[in-house]
Amino acid sequence: MRLFRRLLGAAGVLWAAATFTFLIQVLLPGDRATLLLNQLTGQIQERTAEELAPLNARYGFDEPLAVQYLNFLKGLATGDLGVSYQLHKPVTEVILDQVGPTILLTFASLLVAWVLSLAMIIGTAKRSRVLSAVSSGVEAVAAGLPQYWLGVILLVVLALNLGMFPVVGGTGLAGLILPALTLGIPLAGFLGQVTRREFEKSLDQPFVLSARMRGMGDTAVRFRHALRHSVLPGITLSGWALGSLFSGAVIAENIFTRPGLGKVLVTAVNARDLPVVCGIVILIAAVYVLANLLVDIAYTRIDPRLKTA
């Protein structure tokens, strides 16, 4: 029942995102056929009705708004996101050509965030009052770092000044590290803040005391018992973070000149290539929805009691 409710909610979110992107295309100032014809000819000028008629008929711009909306939803159901005004290719093909590096950067950033936050929490939680306070302060500062500013600092210091990483990012591991740190460090601050309190509470629970009395070492207690009972808030945040990282990859890819959807989106916005922009918006919404469904599945794996909720 819980999964059904989540699926129903996911469908509602995707429908809302699709409707929003459709309204963007039809309500923005400017005639779509004129914009498309100007893109095709490379000349920005007023167009006559005779010139626009073939494009209006081909793309259905002359249909009633309700018919256009239904055709738009039908296209989405079959994977048809329209045709790029600038590249003259199906939007689905444009996205698939560039989505791989963006997905890789998204999951690399999430991995970096979890590694940094867990290392900080496990290594400092309840070690001493001063150490815990300093660590909490570091997490708060990290969470407040603007991604664009952090990316520029990492690029200048580690790539330009120290030469530890390439200035222009590529598809290799060396070109992935700085973008992943740019997105992962602020998220690590958020994960640390929401997970630390639960972790410290878990260390005071009877099952932890029982494990210590059986002779289990402190590190084993932290990893095998306290950690499992404190990661649910972090997993919840990760569902939101996947979508946020996917959209934030636009920033990192442009700072480090990486291939991916970031460059495609910036180019499409500058060229007013609305089908590509809207296609990427729908994709980001789908990532949010999928990530939150995965979070629900992870919940039931960690706490089986939620299966009956």
Protein backbone atom coordinates (compact mmCIF):
# COMPACT_ATOMS: atom_id res chain seq x y z
CA MET A 1 0.00 0.00 0.00
CA ARG A 2 2.83 2.37 0.86
CA LEU A 3 4.54 1.67 -2.47
CA PHE A 4 1.27 2.23 -4.36
CA ARG A 5 0.81 5.63 -2.73
CA ARG A 6 4.36 6.56 -3.63
CA LEU A 7 3.88 5.48 -7.24
CA LEU A 8 0.69 7.51 -7.45
CA GLY A 9 2.47 10.54 -6.03
CA ALA A 10 5.37 10.05 -8.46
CA ALA A 11 2.96 9.99 -11.39
CA GLY A 12 1.41 13.21 -10.14
CA VAL A 13 4.78 14.94 -9.91
CA LEU A 14 5.74 13.89 -13.43
CA TRP A 15 2.38 15.05 -14.77
CA ALA A 16 2.81 18.44 -13.06
CA ALA A 17 6.34 18.81 -14.46
CA ALA A 18 5.15 17.89 -17.96
CA THR A 19 2.26 20.36 -17.76
CA PHE A 20 4.59 23.11 -16.55
CA THR A 21 7.03 22.56 -19.41
CA PHE A 22 4.17 22.55 -21.93
CA LEU A 23 2.89 25.87 -20.60
CA ILE A 24 6.40 27.33 -20.82
CA GLN A 25 6.51 26.54 -24.52
CA VAL A 26 3.08 27.91 -25.41
CA LEU A 27 2.86 30.95 -23.11
CA LEU A 28 6.30 32.53 -23.48
CA PRO A 29 6.34 35.67 -25.64
CA GLY A 30 7.09 35.08 -29.29
CA ASP A 31 5.67 32.77 -31.94
CA ARG A 32 7.21 29.31 -31.91
CA ALA A 33 7.05 28.91 -35.67
CA THR A 34 8.77 32.26 -36.17
CA LEU A 35 11.48 31.32 -33.69
CA LEU A 36 12.03 27.97 -35.40
CA LEU A 37 12.16 29.48 -38.88
CA ASN A 38 14.65 32.10 -37.71
CA GLN A 39 16.79 29.29 -36.30
CA LEU A 40 16.63 27.40 -39.59
CA THR A 41 17.54 30.40 -41.77
CA GLY A 42 19.90 32.14 -39.35
CA GLN A 43 18.02 35.42 -39.90
CA ILE A 44 15.97 37.17 -37.21
CA GLN A 45 13.04 38.92 -38.86
CA GLU A 46 9.26 39.07 -39.05
CA ARG A 47 7.63 36.24 -40.98
CA THR A 48 4.51 36.15 -43.09
CA ALA A 49 1.64 33.77 -42.52
CA GLU A 50 2.52 31.96 -45.75
CA GLU A 51 6.06 31.33 -44.55
CA LEU A 52 4.89 30.05 -41.17
CA ALA A 53 2.05 27.85 -42.42
CA PRO A 54 4.20 24.77 -43.26
CA LEU A 55 5.92 24.81 -39.86
CA ASN A 56 2.63 25.35 -38.00
CA ALA A 57 1.15 22.35 -39.82
CA ARG A 58 4.23 20.16 -39.37
CA TYR A 59 4.58 20.72 -35.62
CA GLY A 60 0.88 21.13 -34.85
CA PHE A 61 1.21 24.75 -33.69
CA ASP A 62 -2.06 25.60 -35.44
CA GLU A 63 -4.02 22.99 -33.46
CA PRO A 64 -6.25 24.02 -30.51
CA LEU A 65 -4.33 24.30 -27.25
CA ALA A 66 -6.09 21.28 -25.72
CA VAL A 67 -5.16 19.13 -28.71
CA GLN A 68 -1.53 20.29 -28.51
CA TYR A 69 -1.47 19.41 -24.81
CA LEU A 70 -2.87 15.91 -25.37
CA ASN A 71 -0.42 15.31 -28.22
CA PHE A 72 2.39 16.51 -25.97
CA LEU A 73 1.43 14.05 -23.21
CA LYS A 74 1.06 11.26 -25.77
CA GLY A 75 4.54 12.01 -27.07
CA LEU A 76 5.98 11.90 -23.54
CA ALA A 77 4.35 8.51 -22.95
CA THR A 78 6.17 7.16 -26.01
CA GLY A 79 9.48 8.91 -25.25
CA ASP A 80 8.98 11.69 -27.79
CA LEU A 81 10.16 15.03 -26.35
CA GLY A 82 9.97 16.91 -29.62
CA VAL A 83 12.67 18.15 -31.99
CA SER A 84 15.47 20.55 -31.12
CA TYR A 85 15.04 23.93 -32.84
CA GLN A 86 18.79 24.41 -33.03
CA LEU A 87 20.20 20.93 -33.65
CA HIS A 88 17.22 19.66 -35.70
CA LYS A 89 17.42 16.32 -33.91
CA PRO A 90 14.97 14.56 -31.58
CA VAL A 91 15.38 15.93 -28.06
CA THR A 92 15.56 12.38 -26.70
CA GLU A 93 18.60 11.74 -28.90
CA VAL A 94 20.24 15.02 -27.82
CA ILE A 95 19.79 14.11 -24.15
CA LEU A 96 20.95 10.50 -24.51
CA ASP A 97 24.12 11.65 -26.28
CA GLN A 98 25.18 13.73 -23.24
CA VAL A 99 23.45 12.27 -20.19
CA GLY A 100 26.14 9.66 -19.42
CA PRO A 101 28.82 12.04 -18.04
CA THR A 102 26.17 13.89 -16.01
CA ILE A 103 24.92 10.68 -14.39
CA LEU A 104 28.50 9.66 -13.60
CA LEU A 105 29.21 13.04 -11.99
CA THR A 106 25.95 12.88 -9.98
CA PHE A 107 26.69 9.50 -8.39
CA ALA A 108 30.38 10.31 -7.90
CA SER A 109 29.36 13.46 -6.01
CA LEU A 110 26.89 11.53 -3.84
CA LEU A 111 29.59 8.95 -3.04
CA VAL A 112 32.06 11.72 -2.12
CA ALA A 113 29.46 13.33 0.13
CA TRP A 114 28.69 10.12 2.01
CA VAL A 115 32.36 9.18 2.42
CA LEU A 116 33.26 12.62 3.79
CA SER A 117 30.27 12.85 6.11
CA LEU A 118 30.60 9.32 7.52
CA ALA A 119 34.34 9.72 8.03
CA MET A 120 33.68 12.90 9.98
CA ILE A 121 30.85 11.47 12.05
CA ILE A 122 32.38 8.09 12.87
CA GLY A 123 35.74 9.65 13.62
CA THR A 124 34.56 12.51 15.84
CA ALA A 125 31.08 11.84 17.29
CA LYS A 126 31.25 11.60 21.09
CA ARG A 127 35.05 11.48 21.07
CA SER A 128 35.30 14.69 23.05
CA ARG A 129 33.19 17.81 23.49
CA VAL A 130 35.69 20.04 21.71
CA LEU A 131 36.20 17.67 18.79
CA SER A 132 32.46 17.20 18.31
CA ALA A 133 31.87 20.96 18.41
CA VAL A 134 34.61 21.64 15.86
CA SER A 135 33.29 18.92 13.57
CA SER A 136 29.75 20.27 13.79
CA GLY A 137 31.07 23.72 12.90
CA VAL A 138 32.93 22.32 9.89
CA GLU A 139 29.73 20.61 8.71
CA ALA A 140 27.75 23.84 9.04
CA VAL A 141 30.37 25.79 7.06
CA ALA A 142 30.53 23.11 4.35
CA ALA A 143 26.74 23.06 4.00
CA GLY A 144 26.73 26.81 3.42
CA LEU A 145 29.37 26.85 0.67
CA PRO A 146 27.98 28.03 -2.71
CA GLN A 147 28.78 25.42 -5.33
CA TYR A 148 29.84 27.93 -7.98
CA TRP A 149 32.23 29.71 -5.58
CA LEU A 150 33.66 26.42 -4.29
CA GLY A 151 34.20 25.15 -7.83
CA VAL A 152 36.11 28.28 -8.83
CA ILE A 153 38.29 28.08 -5.68
CA LEU A 154 39.11 24.41 -6.29
CA LEU A 155 39.86 25.15 -9.94
CA VAL A 156 42.20 28.06 -9.15
CA VAL A 157 44.02 26.46 -6.21
CA LEU A 158 44.27 22.77 -7.13
CA ALA A 159 44.27 22.96 -10.93
CA LEU A 160 45.82 26.31 -11.91
CA ASN A 161 48.21 26.98 -8.99
CA LEU A 162 49.21 23.50 -7.85
CA GLY A 163 48.63 21.64 -11.12
CA MET A 164 47.26 18.59 -9.30
CA PHE A 165 44.30 18.21 -11.67
CA PRO A 166 43.56 19.15 -15.28
CA VAL A 167 42.12 22.63 -15.80
CA VAL A 168 39.72 21.37 -18.45
CA GLY A 169 37.77 18.38 -17.21
CA GLY A 170 37.36 15.31 -19.38
CA THR A 171 35.72 11.93 -19.05
CA GLY A 172 38.62 10.38 -17.11
CA LEU A 173 39.02 9.99 -13.35
CA ALA A 174 41.34 13.01 -13.00
CA GLY A 175 38.77 15.26 -14.64
CA LEU A 176 36.00 13.91 -12.38
CA ILE A 177 37.53 14.57 -8.96
CA LEU A 178 37.23 18.37 -8.74
CA PRO A 179 33.64 18.52 -10.09
CA ALA A 180 32.65 15.74 -7.66
CA LEU A 181 34.22 17.63 -4.76
CA THR A 182 32.47 20.83 -5.85
CA LEU A 183 29.08 19.16 -5.57
CA GLY A 184 29.90 16.67 -2.81
CA ILE A 185 31.44 18.91 -0.11
CA PRO A 186 28.32 21.05 0.52
CA LEU A 187 26.13 17.94 0.50
CA ALA A 188 28.50 16.27 2.97
CA GLY A 189 27.82 19.16 5.35
CA PHE A 190 24.07 18.60 5.12
CA LEU A 191 24.40 14.82 5.51
CA GLY A 192 26.64 15.28 8.53
CA GLN A 193 24.20 17.65 10.19
CA VAL A 194 21.17 15.37 9.80
CA THR A 195 23.03 12.14 10.63
CA ARG A 196 25.28 13.19 13.53
CA ARG A 197 22.48 13.71 16.06
CA GLU A 198 20.93 10.31 15.36
CA PHE A 199 24.36 8.68 15.46
CA GLU A 200 25.11 10.16 18.89
CA LYS A 201 21.71 9.04 20.17
CA SER A 202 22.38 5.52 18.89
CA LEU A 203 25.65 5.38 20.83
CA ASP A 204 23.61 5.80 24.05
CA GLN A 205 21.15 3.01 23.28
CA PRO A 206 21.05 -0.26 25.28
CA PHE A 207 21.99 -2.42 22.29
CA VAL A 208 25.27 -0.48 21.96
CA LEU A 209 26.03 -0.95 25.65
CA SER A 210 25.26 -4.66 25.28
CA ALA A 211 27.66 -4.93 22.34
CA ARG A 212 30.41 -3.21 24.32
CA MET A 213 29.84 -5.58 27.25
CA ARG A 214 30.31 -8.53 24.90
CA GLY A 215 33.79 -7.20 24.12
CA MET A 216 33.12 -5.53 20.79
CA GLY A 217 35.56 -2.72 20.01
CA ASP A 218 34.51 0.91 19.65
CA THR A 219 35.07 1.03 15.87
CA ALA A 220 33.05 -2.14 15.32
CA VAL A 221 30.23 -0.80 17.50
CA ARG A 222 30.10 2.40 15.52
CA PHE A 223 30.08 0.67 12.13
CA ARG A 224 27.96 -2.42 12.85
CA HIS A 225 25.35 -1.02 15.27
CA ALA A 226 25.21 2.75 15.67
CA LEU A 227 25.60 3.56 11.98
CA ARG A 228 22.74 1.36 10.78
CA HIS A 229 20.31 2.96 13.21
CA SER A 230 21.27 6.54 12.33
CA VAL A 231 21.41 6.70 8.53
CA LEU A 232 17.67 7.00 7.79
CA PRO A 233 17.70 10.84 7.88
CA GLY A 234 20.72 10.84 5.59
CA ILE A 235 19.03 8.44 3.17
CA THR A 236 15.98 10.71 3.11
CA LEU A 237 18.20 13.65 2.26
CA SER A 238 19.94 11.59 -0.43
CA GLY A 239 16.65 11.20 -2.28
CA TRP A 240 16.40 14.97 -2.57
CA ALA A 241 20.15 15.29 -3.13
CA LEU A 242 20.21 13.07 -6.23
CA GLY A 243 17.89 15.44 -8.05
CA SER A 244 19.74 18.45 -6.69
CA LEU A 245 23.12 17.03 -7.73
CA PHE A 246 21.79 16.19 -11.18
CA SER A 247 20.65 19.78 -11.70
CA GLY A 248 23.74 21.15 -9.93
CA ALA A 249 25.93 19.25 -12.37
CA VAL A 250 25.06 22.02 -14.85
CA ILE A 251 27.18 24.38 -12.73
CA ALA A 252 30.11 22.02 -12.28
CA GLU A 253 30.19 20.97 -15.93
CA ASN A 254 30.38 24.58 -17.07
CA ILE A 255 33.05 25.54 -14.51
CA PHE A 256 35.30 22.62 -15.42
CA THR A 257 34.30 22.42 -19.11
CA ARG A 258 33.09 18.85 -18.79
CA PRO A 259 30.88 17.11 -21.34
CA GLY A 260 27.33 16.53 -20.22
CA LEU A 261 23.88 18.06 -20.07
CA GLY A 262 25.20 21.27 -18.52
CA LYS A 263 26.69 22.55 -21.74
CA VAL A 264 23.64 21.38 -23.69
CA LEU A 265 21.28 23.24 -21.35
CA VAL A 266 23.25 26.50 -21.38
CA THR A 267 23.46 26.42 -25.18
CA ALA A 268 19.73 25.67 -25.46
CA VAL A 269 18.80 28.52 -23.11
CA ASN A 270 20.94 31.00 -25.03
CA ALA A 271 19.42 29.84 -28.34
CA ARG A 272 15.85 29.67 -26.92
CA ASP A 273 15.74 26.02 -27.91
CA LEU A 274 12.62 25.37 -25.82
CA PRO A 275 12.13 21.64 -26.57
CA VAL A 276 15.65 20.85 -25.29
CA VAL A 277 15.23 23.02 -22.18
CA CYS A 278 11.87 21.46 -21.39
CA GLY A 279 13.18 17.96 -22.05
CA ILE A 280 15.98 18.44 -19.53
CA VAL A 281 13.51 19.89 -16.99
CA ILE A 282 11.32 16.79 -17.33
CA LEU A 283 14.37 14.56 -16.99
CA ILE A 284 15.41 16.29 -13.76
CA ALA A 285 11.88 15.86 -12.39
CA ALA A 286 12.02 12.16 -13.29
CA VAL A 287 15.35 11.83 -11.47
CA TYR A 288 13.81 13.38 -8.33
CA VAL A 289 10.88 10.97 -8.51
CA LEU A 290 13.05 7.90 -9.11
CA ALA A 291 15.45 8.88 -6.33
CA ASN A 292 12.63 9.18 -3.80
CA LEU A 293 11.21 5.81 -4.83
CA LEU A 294 14.66 4.27 -4.29
CA VAL A 295 14.73 5.92 -0.85
CA ASP A 296 11.45 4.19 0.05
CA ILE A 297 12.89 0.85 -1.04
CA ALA A 298 16.04 1.51 1.00
CA TYR A 299 13.87 2.34 4.02
CA THR A 300 12.22 -1.06 3.97
CA ARG A 301 15.60 -2.77 3.64
CA ILE A 302 17.01 -0.93 6.66
CA ASP A 303 13.82 -1.02 8.77
CA PRO A 304 11.52 -3.90 7.68
CA ARG A 305 8.75 -2.57 9.96
CA LEU A 306 8.02 0.08 7.31
CA LYS A 307 6.80 -2.59 4.86
CA THR A 308 3.50 -2.76 6.74
CA ALA A 309 3.09 1.01 7.09
